Amino acid sequence: MENNIEEYKNDIFEVLLKAEKLEEGSGAYNLACLHSLLNEKDSAFKYLNIAIPIDAKINREYIENDTKLDNLKSDPRFEELLNKYYPKDKN
């Protein structure tokens, strides 16, 4: 589906936004990934900031290795986000 994301993006957004309305955070991470794939960085960061504090399954390693977020990884906000929620040990 990543190859045809433009064709399906409205349908995907609709489903994920419905999930998000039902329970905050339930669609936020997937919305962040979708926005990243569309290179809509501001929206991707917005939804990551919603998802991370709510979803205990998300951790630094998971985010760093998620290829759907590759469009964000060169943005300085990506490292700032990681350090905000998952500070590296100072030792």
Protein backbone atom coordinates (compact mmCIF):
# COMPACT_ATOMS: atom_id res chain seq x y z
CA MET A 1 0.00 0.00 0.00
CA GLU A 2 2.96 2.35 0.53
CA ASN A 3 3.39 2.49 -3.25
CA ASN A 4 -0.16 3.81 -3.69
CA ILE A 5 -0.44 5.84 -0.51
CA GLU A 6 -1.64 8.97 -2.29
CA GLU A 7 -4.55 7.03 -3.77
CA TYR A 8 -5.68 5.65 -0.41
CA LYS A 9 -4.62 8.41 1.97
CA ASN A 10 -8.09 9.92 2.47
CA ASP A 11 -9.57 6.52 3.36
CA ILE A 12 -6.69 5.77 5.71
CA PHE A 13 -6.95 9.17 7.40
CA GLU A 14 -10.67 8.70 7.89
CA VAL A 15 -10.27 5.33 9.61
CA LEU A 16 -7.39 6.47 11.82
CA LEU A 17 -9.11 9.70 12.80
CA LYS A 18 -12.22 7.72 13.79
CA ALA A 19 -10.05 5.49 15.96
CA GLU A 20 -8.41 8.54 17.51
CA LYS A 21 -11.82 10.06 18.29
CA LEU A 22 -12.94 6.85 20.00
CA GLU A 23 -9.86 6.69 22.21
CA GLU A 24 -7.09 9.27 22.28
CA GLY A 25 -3.83 7.75 21.15
CA SER A 26 -5.35 4.70 19.49
CA GLY A 27 -4.64 5.95 15.99
CA ALA A 28 -2.03 8.58 16.74
CA TYR A 29 1.09 6.51 16.04
CA ASN A 30 -0.30 5.25 12.76
CA LEU A 31 -1.31 8.79 11.82
CA ALA A 32 2.26 9.87 12.56
CA CYS A 33 3.59 7.12 10.29
CA LEU A 34 1.17 8.04 7.52
CA HIS A 35 2.11 11.71 7.70
CA SER A 36 5.78 10.75 7.67
CA LEU A 37 5.30 8.61 4.56
CA LEU A 38 3.60 11.60 2.92
CA ASN A 39 6.51 13.80 4.08
CA GLU A 40 4.13 15.93 6.16
CA LYS A 41 6.57 16.36 8.99
CA ASP A 42 4.71 18.86 11.18
CA SER A 43 1.67 16.60 11.35
CA ALA A 44 3.82 13.53 11.92
CA PHE A 45 5.51 15.14 14.91
CA LYS A 46 2.15 16.32 16.24
CA TYR A 47 0.82 12.76 16.33
CA LEU A 48 4.04 11.30 17.72
CA ASN A 49 3.75 13.71 20.63
CA ILE A 50 0.24 12.40 21.24
CA ALA A 51 1.08 8.71 20.84
CA ILE A 52 4.32 8.37 22.78
CA PRO A 53 3.07 9.35 26.25
CA ILE A 54 -0.03 7.18 25.87
CA ASP A 55 1.25 3.98 24.24
CA ALA A 56 3.53 1.98 26.54
CA LYS A 57 4.52 -0.34 23.65
CA ILE A 58 6.36 2.49 21.93
CA ASN A 59 9.96 2.94 23.00
CA ARG A 60 13.08 4.65 21.68
CA GLU A 61 14.39 1.59 19.86
CA TYR A 62 11.02 0.95 18.23
CA ILE A 63 10.82 4.51 16.91
CA GLU A 64 14.46 4.59 15.77
CA ASN A 65 13.98 1.38 13.78
CA ASP A 66 10.57 2.15 12.28
CA THR A 67 11.24 2.69 8.57
CA LYS A 68 7.89 4.45 8.18
CA LEU A 69 9.44 7.33 10.11
CA ASP A 70 12.54 7.59 7.89
CA ASN A 71 11.40 10.95 6.48
CA LEU A 72 11.62 12.41 9.99
CA LYS A 73 14.98 11.05 11.05
CA SER A 74 17.09 13.80 9.46
CA ASP A 75 14.94 16.50 11.06
CA PRO A 76 16.44 17.87 14.33
CA ARG A 77 12.99 17.55 15.91
CA PHE A 78 13.30 13.77 15.70
CA GLU A 79 16.26 13.60 18.08
CA GLU A 80 14.64 16.25 20.30
CA LEU A 81 11.49 14.14 20.51
CA LEU A 82 13.46 11.02 21.39
CA ASN A 83 15.43 12.85 24.07
CA LYS A 84 12.28 14.41 25.49
CA TYR A 85 10.52 11.07 26.04
CA TYR A 86 13.50 8.72 26.27
CA PRO A 87 16.52 10.58 27.67
CA LYS A 88 19.79 8.77 27.27
CA ASP A 89 21.62 7.73 30.42
CA LYS A 90 24.10 10.33 31.56
CA ASN A 91 26.42 7.64 32.95
